[in-house]
Amino acid sequence: MKEFPQHIDFRPVRRELTTYRQIHNAISLVINVVIFGGAAALVSSLTEPGWWQILVWIPAAWILIHHVARIFVIPYQVRIHGWAEQSEDLLVRSGAVFRQYLAVPYGRLQFVVVKQGPLQRKFDLADLRIITAGSNAQISGLPTREATRLRDDLSARGYARLAGL
């Protein structure tokens, strides 16, 4: 397999994305452990004791392990995530463990969407979602102003490429 070119200068996302994802992870952890742990405790208290009761705690334990592991993976994911604007396409790099490089040709753009939730507004972060005929790409952790600039720029480039067909 051919190596990915090293000369491409990817623009990083904001470091505040790490804090945002850690808070989101903690909220999700509490909600899921309360739901699954509460269900396991309820089942354990309403049934006769037996060896099988350990099985009802497995989902809650798995969710706990998953979210604790994410605490350590999230900083690496944010450090890797970035994008590069080129003359013919937009490159998106993501994935801490499983790296992904996605090239989005400007002529194939269908929609460019900027999304921002309440917690993202607190950190001045936005997600840019790029939808094409064959795939989707997302750049998370952009500053709001940069996300709107990129949306407008990509839409204009896509329209210009489409007009040439």
Protein backbone atom coordinates (compact mmCIF):
# COMPACT_ATOMS: atom_id res chain seq x y z
CA MET A 1 0.00 0.00 0.00
CA LYS A 2 1.25 3.44 -0.90
CA GLU A 3 2.21 5.71 2.00
CA PHE A 4 0.19 8.85 2.65
CA PRO A 5 2.08 12.01 1.60
CA GLN A 6 3.83 13.62 4.56
CA HIS A 7 4.11 17.09 3.02
CA ILE A 8 0.42 17.94 3.51
CA ASP A 9 -0.07 20.49 6.27
CA PHE A 10 -3.24 19.58 8.18
CA ARG A 11 -4.94 22.28 10.21
CA PRO A 12 -5.72 21.07 13.74
CA VAL A 13 -9.05 21.41 15.50
CA ARG A 14 -9.35 23.39 18.73
CA ARG A 15 -7.93 21.87 21.90
CA GLU A 16 -11.18 22.70 23.71
CA LEU A 17 -12.66 19.73 21.87
CA THR A 18 -10.84 17.50 24.38
CA THR A 19 -12.62 19.17 27.31
CA TYR A 20 -15.95 19.09 25.51
CA ARG A 21 -15.63 15.37 24.71
CA GLN A 22 -14.50 14.55 28.26
CA ILE A 23 -17.55 16.33 29.71
CA HIS A 24 -19.81 14.59 27.19
CA ASN A 25 -18.18 11.26 28.08
CA ALA A 26 -18.68 11.84 31.83
CA ILE A 27 -22.36 12.74 31.37
CA SER A 28 -22.89 9.68 29.18
CA LEU A 29 -21.07 7.49 31.73
CA VAL A 30 -23.25 8.63 34.61
CA ILE A 31 -26.50 8.21 32.66
CA ASN A 32 -25.61 4.76 31.30
CA VAL A 33 -24.24 3.37 34.57
CA VAL A 34 -27.30 4.63 36.47
CA ILE A 35 -29.65 3.01 33.94
CA PHE A 36 -27.83 -0.31 33.54
CA GLY A 37 -26.59 -0.48 37.14
CA GLY A 38 -30.06 0.37 38.43
CA ALA A 39 -31.62 -2.29 36.22
CA ALA A 40 -29.07 -4.86 37.41
CA ALA A 41 -29.65 -3.92 41.06
CA LEU A 42 -33.41 -4.16 40.58
CA VAL A 43 -33.18 -7.59 38.93
CA SER A 44 -30.78 -8.80 41.63
CA SER A 45 -33.04 -7.63 44.44
CA LEU A 46 -36.24 -9.12 42.95
CA THR A 47 -34.89 -12.59 42.21
CA GLU A 48 -33.48 -15.42 44.24
CA PRO A 49 -29.71 -15.37 44.70
CA GLY A 50 -27.72 -17.45 42.29
CA TRP A 51 -24.52 -17.55 40.29
CA TRP A 52 -26.27 -16.14 37.21
CA GLN A 53 -26.87 -12.76 38.91
CA ILE A 54 -23.34 -11.75 37.98
CA LEU A 55 -24.48 -11.81 34.33
CA VAL A 56 -26.93 -8.93 34.82
CA TRP A 57 -24.02 -6.70 35.94
CA ILE A 58 -21.97 -7.33 32.76
CA PRO A 59 -23.58 -4.53 30.66
CA ALA A 60 -23.00 -1.94 33.41
CA ALA A 61 -19.39 -3.09 33.86
CA TRP A 62 -18.78 -3.04 30.09
CA ILE A 63 -20.13 0.52 29.82
CA LEU A 64 -17.94 1.60 32.74
CA ILE A 65 -14.82 0.07 31.12
CA HIS A 66 -15.68 1.63 27.75
CA HIS A 67 -16.07 5.15 29.15
CA VAL A 68 -12.94 4.91 31.32
CA ALA A 69 -10.96 3.82 28.24
CA ARG A 70 -12.35 6.80 26.31
CA ILE A 71 -10.92 9.14 28.95
CA PHE A 72 -7.45 8.12 27.78
CA VAL A 73 -8.20 7.88 24.03
CA ILE A 74 -9.98 11.23 23.56
CA PRO A 75 -6.85 13.44 23.80
CA TYR A 76 -5.16 11.38 21.06
CA GLN A 77 -8.27 11.55 18.86
CA VAL A 78 -8.37 15.33 19.12
CA ARG A 79 -4.65 15.67 18.44
CA ILE A 80 -4.94 13.65 15.21
CA HIS A 81 -8.16 15.25 13.91
CA GLY A 82 -7.63 17.90 11.23
CA TRP A 83 -8.26 19.02 7.68
CA ALA A 84 -6.39 20.38 4.68
CA GLU A 85 -7.85 22.42 1.84
CA GLN A 86 -6.33 21.59 -1.52
CA SER A 87 -7.03 22.83 -5.03
CA GLU A 88 -9.32 19.93 -6.02
CA ASP A 89 -10.48 18.42 -2.73
CA LEU A 90 -10.67 18.68 1.04
CA LEU A 91 -8.71 16.13 3.09
CA VAL A 92 -10.01 15.11 6.51
CA ARG A 93 -7.78 13.18 8.91
CA SER A 94 -9.18 11.39 11.97
CA GLY A 95 -8.77 8.36 14.20
CA ALA A 96 -6.34 7.78 17.04
CA VAL A 97 -6.22 4.01 16.78
CA PHE A 98 -7.59 3.41 13.29
CA ARG A 99 -6.39 6.31 11.13
CA GLN A 100 -8.64 7.56 8.39
CA TYR A 101 -7.81 9.98 5.59
CA LEU A 102 -10.85 11.05 3.61
CA ALA A 103 -10.64 13.09 0.40
CA VAL A 104 -13.79 14.99 -0.49
CA PRO A 105 -13.78 16.35 -4.08
CA TYR A 106 -15.34 19.80 -4.29
CA GLY A 107 -17.35 18.83 -7.37
CA ARG A 108 -19.17 16.06 -5.47
CA LEU A 109 -20.46 18.20 -2.60
CA GLN A 110 -24.19 18.08 -2.01
CA PHE A 111 -24.61 19.60 1.45
CA VAL A 112 -22.33 21.33 3.92
CA VAL A 113 -23.91 21.60 7.37
CA VAL A 114 -22.67 23.42 10.49
CA LYS A 115 -24.04 21.96 13.72
CA GLN A 116 -23.60 23.33 17.24
CA GLY A 117 -25.16 22.12 20.48
CA PRO A 118 -25.52 24.03 23.76
CA LEU A 119 -22.33 22.62 25.30
CA GLN A 120 -20.45 23.29 22.07
CA ARG A 121 -21.62 26.94 22.16
CA LYS A 122 -20.11 27.22 25.65
CA PHE A 123 -16.70 26.23 24.21
CA ASP A 124 -17.21 28.08 20.88
CA LEU A 125 -17.03 24.80 18.95
CA ALA A 126 -18.95 23.63 15.90
CA ASP A 127 -19.14 20.48 13.79
CA LEU A 128 -18.92 20.72 10.00
CA ARG A 129 -20.59 17.85 8.17
CA ILE A 130 -19.87 17.38 4.48
CA ILE A 131 -22.31 15.21 2.55
CA THR A 132 -21.45 13.97 -0.94
CA ALA A 133 -23.03 11.56 -3.38
CA GLY A 134 -20.93 8.66 -2.07
CA SER A 135 -19.85 9.44 1.48
CA ASN A 136 -19.97 11.73 4.48
CA ALA A 137 -17.17 13.51 6.28
CA GLN A 138 -17.22 15.39 9.56
CA ILE A 139 -14.80 17.85 11.10
CA SER A 140 -15.54 18.28 14.80
CA GLY A 141 -14.10 20.95 17.05
CA LEU A 142 -13.89 23.88 14.67
CA PRO A 143 -14.22 27.42 16.00
CA THR A 144 -17.68 28.69 15.05
CA ARG A 145 -16.33 31.44 12.82
CA GLU A 146 -14.00 29.01 11.01
CA ALA A 147 -16.83 26.50 10.54
CA THR A 148 -19.08 29.08 8.89
CA ARG A 149 -16.20 30.34 6.72
CA LEU A 150 -15.38 26.80 5.65
CA ARG A 151 -19.05 26.05 4.94
CA ASP A 152 -19.37 29.11 2.72
CA ASP A 153 -16.03 28.45 0.99
CA LEU A 154 -16.78 24.77 0.35
CA SER A 155 -20.25 25.59 -0.96
CA ALA A 156 -18.81 28.17 -3.36
CA ARG A 157 -16.08 25.79 -4.55
CA GLY A 158 -18.58 22.98 -4.98
CA TYR A 159 -20.93 25.19 -6.97
CA ALA A 160 -18.07 26.40 -9.18
CA ARG A 161 -16.93 22.81 -9.88
CA LEU A 162 -20.49 21.68 -10.52
CA ALA A 163 -21.09 24.52 -12.96
CA GLY A 164 -18.15 23.29 -15.05
CA LEU A 165 -19.77 19.88 -15.68
